[in-house]
Structure formats: C-alpha cells, structure tokens
C-alpha atoms as a PDB file:
ATOM      1  CA  UNK A   1      88.987 135.801 237.379  1.00  0.00           C
ATOM      2  CA  UNK A   2      92.143 137.823 237.738  1.00  0.00           C
ATOM      3  CA  UNK A   3      92.751 140.995 235.780  1.00  0.00           C
ATOM      4  CA  UNK A   4      95.791 139.366 234.166  1.00  0.00           C
ATOM      5  CA  UNK A   5      93.498 136.624 232.848  1.00  0.00           C
ATOM      6  CA  UNK A   6      91.278 139.237 231.227  1.00  0.00           C
ATOM      7  CA  UNK A   7      94.282 141.056 229.782  1.00  0.00           C
ATOM      8  CA  UNK A   8      95.680 137.795 228.404  1.00  0.00           C
ATOM      9  CA  UNK A   9      92.362 136.886 226.796  1.00  0.00           C
ATOM     10  CA  UNK A  10      91.925 140.357 225.314  1.00  0.00           C
ATOM     11  CA  UNK A  11      95.459 140.219 223.929  1.00  0.00           C
ATOM     12  CA  UNK A  12      94.698 136.879 222.258  1.00  0.00           C
ATOM     13  CA  UNK A  13      91.468 138.250 220.794  1.00  0.00           C
ATOM     14  CA  UNK A  14      93.224 141.352 219.445  1.00  0.00           C
ATOM     15  CA  UNK A  15      95.913 139.192 217.867  1.00  0.00           C
ATOM     16  CA  UNK A  16      93.254 137.090 216.133  1.00  0.00           C
ATOM     17  CA  UNK A  17      91.276 140.039 214.729  1.00  0.00           C
ATOM     18  CA  UNK A  18      94.421 141.845 213.609  1.00  0.00           C
ATOM     19  CA  UNK A  19      95.969 138.714 212.105  1.00  0.00           C
ATOM     20  CA  UNK A  20      92.800 137.995 210.130  1.00  0.00           C
ATOM     21  CA  UNK A  21      92.546 141.699 209.205  1.00  0.00           C
ATOM     22  CA  UNK A  22      89.021 142.066 210.567  1.00  0.00           C
ATOM     23  CA  UNK A  23      90.416 144.976 212.525  1.00  0.00           C
ATOM     24  CA  UNK A  24      93.146 147.105 211.044  1.00  0.00           C
ATOM     25  CA  UNK A  25      95.455 149.710 212.489  1.00  0.00           C
ATOM     26  CA  UNK A  26      95.547 153.186 210.986  1.00  0.00           C
ATOM     27  CA  UNK A  27      99.138 153.672 209.753  1.00  0.00           C
ATOM     28  CA  UNK A  28      99.022 157.361 210.703  1.00  0.00           C
ATOM     29  CA  UNK A  29      97.236 157.411 214.080  1.00  0.00           C
ATOM     30  CA  UNK A  30      97.737 153.791 215.190  1.00  0.00           C
ATOM     31  CA  UNK A  31      94.045 153.550 216.059  1.00  0.00           C
ATOM     32  CA  UNK A  32      92.270 150.235 215.498  1.00  0.00           C
ATOM     33  CA  UNK A  33      89.158 150.158 213.319  1.00  0.00           C
ATOM     34  CA  UNK A  34      86.934 147.521 211.725  1.00  0.00           C
ATOM     35  CA  UNK A  35      87.311 146.733 208.036  1.00  0.00           C
ATOM     36  CA  UNK A  36      83.681 146.546 206.906  1.00  0.00           C
ATOM     37  CA  UNK A  37      84.658 144.528 203.836  1.00  0.00           C
ATOM     38  CA  UNK A  38      86.425 141.805 205.827  1.00  0.00           C
ATOM     39  CA  UNK A  39      84.528 138.618 206.632  1.00  0.00           C
ATOM     40  CA  UNK A  40      84.472 138.065 210.419  1.00  0.00           C
ATOM     41  CA  UNK A  41      83.872 134.341 209.811  1.00  0.00           C
ATOM     42  CA  UNK A  42      87.614 134.090 209.149  1.00  0.00           C
ATOM     43  CA  UNK A  43      88.368 135.206 212.718  1.00  0.00           C
ATOM     44  CA  UNK A  44      85.866 132.746 214.152  1.00  0.00           C
ATOM     45  CA  UNK A  45      87.293 129.895 212.060  1.00  0.00           C
ATOM     46  CA  UNK A  46      90.795 130.718 213.276  1.00  0.00           C
ATOM     47  CA  UNK A  47      89.525 130.855 216.860  1.00  0.00           C
ATOM     48  CA  UNK A  48      88.024 127.371 216.586  1.00  0.00           C
ATOM     49  CA  UNK A  49      91.235 126.032 215.075  1.00  0.00           C
ATOM     50  CA  UNK A  50      93.342 127.619 217.807  1.00  0.00           C
ATOM     51  CA  UNK A  51      91.131 126.287 220.614  1.00  0.00           C
ATOM     52  CA  UNK A  52      91.518 122.781 219.206  1.00  0.00           C
ATOM     53  CA  UNK A  53      95.242 122.908 218.391  1.00  0.00           C
ATOM     54  CA  UNK A  54      96.883 125.417 220.736  1.00  0.00           C
ATOM     55  CA  UNK A  55      96.983 124.139 224.296  1.00  0.00           C
ATOM     56  CA  UNK A  56      98.059 127.414 226.022  1.00  0.00           C
ATOM     57  CA  UNK A  57      95.330 129.328 224.218  1.00  0.00           C
ATOM     58  CA  UNK A  58      92.770 126.623 224.979  1.00  0.00           C
ATOM     59  CA  UNK A  59      93.695 126.743 228.636  1.00  0.00           C
ATOM     60  CA  UNK A  60      93.325 130.537 228.725  1.00  0.00           C
ATOM     61  CA  UNK A  61      89.735 130.130 227.539  1.00  0.00           C
ATOM     62  CA  UNK A  62      89.036 126.949 229.537  1.00  0.00           C
ATOM     63  CA  UNK A  63      88.823 125.112 226.209  1.00  0.00           C
ATOM     64  CA  UNK A  64      85.611 127.007 225.399  1.00  0.00           C
ATOM     65  CA  UNK A  65      85.270 128.279 221.880  1.00  0.00           C
ATOM     66  CA  UNK A  66      82.081 130.041 223.013  1.00  0.00           C
ATOM     67  CA  UNK A  67      83.953 132.309 225.426  1.00  0.00           C
ATOM     68  CA  UNK A  68      86.475 133.162 222.732  1.00  0.00           C
ATOM     69  CA  UNK A  69      83.735 133.725 220.145  1.00  0.00           C
ATOM     70  CA  UNK A  70      81.857 136.022 222.529  1.00  0.00           C
ATOM     71  CA  UNK A  71      84.979 138.095 223.110  1.00  0.00           C
ATOM     72  CA  UNK A  72      85.653 138.245 219.362  1.00  0.00           C
ATOM     73  CA  UNK A  73      82.096 139.455 218.724  1.00  0.00           C
ATOM     74  CA  UNK A  74      82.327 142.097 221.447  1.00  0.00           C
ATOM     75  CA  UNK A  75      85.698 143.347 220.211  1.00  0.00           C
ATOM     76  CA  UNK A  76      84.594 143.576 216.580  1.00  0.00           C
ATOM     77  CA  UNK A  77      81.299 145.271 217.493  1.00  0.00           C
ATOM     78  CA  UNK A  78      83.050 147.834 219.699  1.00  0.00           C
ATOM     79  CA  UNK A  79      85.517 148.919 217.006  1.00  0.00           C
ATOM     80  CA  UNK A  80      84.712 152.001 214.919  1.00  0.00           C
ATOM     81  CA  UNK A  81      84.323 151.539 211.150  1.00  0.00           C
ATOM     82  CA  UNK A  82      87.039 154.096 210.400  1.00  0.00           C
ATOM     83  CA  UNK A  83      89.979 155.559 212.270  1.00  0.00           C
ATOM     84  CA  UNK A  84      88.375 158.068 214.634  1.00  0.00           C
ATOM     85  CA  UNK A  85      91.258 160.518 214.144  1.00  0.00           C
ATOM     86  CA  UNK A  86      91.406 160.568 210.339  1.00  0.00           C
ATOM     87  CA  UNK A  87      89.849 163.689 208.789  1.00  0.00           C
ATOM     88  CA  UNK A  88      87.514 161.641 206.565  1.00  0.00           C
ATOM     89  CA  UNK A  89      86.019 159.919 209.595  1.00  0.00           C
ATOM     90  CA  UNK A  90      84.927 163.241 211.045  1.00  0.00           C
ATOM     91  CA  UNK A  91      82.818 163.976 207.980  1.00  0.00           C
ATOM     92  CA  UNK A  92      81.239 160.481 208.139  1.00  0.00           C
ATOM     93  CA  UNK A  93      80.240 160.886 211.802  1.00  0.00           C
END
C-alpha cells in the first residue's frame, strides 16, 4: 500500500467524521476533538452508504466497509474529548 493510499483513506475518514459531527474542530485552535454526545452510528451508517453508492470511495477501500469501519473506529478513539489547547481542557486532564 502506498502512502498516498493511506493519506487518501484518512482524508475520506476525516471528512466522514467531520461531516457527521462526531469529531468537531475547535473554532479557536483548529484542533479536532470528539463530541461525546454525538452518536458514532451516524458515521458508520454514512460509511456503509458511501461504500455502496460512491464508486471512487468504494475503490479506495477495495469495496470493504470493514476497512472503512476500522479506520473510523481508530480515528474516533484516537481523538481527545475536548480541544487539547482550550483552558478548560487543561483542568479536565
């Protein structure tokens, strides 16, 4: 797998989690964080729909919703729950 393939897949995953507002961007620091109140099932439902109806996206993931779902899970799990640079997040840490 080429690095560009990984970058393309990660870009697709980030677009999905941002579009579904599972991850949000801090308007001040532009850091991405996970919205604990958002339902990640929305991102997974969109991923399934995209795999079935978006040929370029399907090809990027070899038509495997499992690969896309794994990357979604990893991306969501790796995101902090608050913007790491906001003052309130320092008190919560």
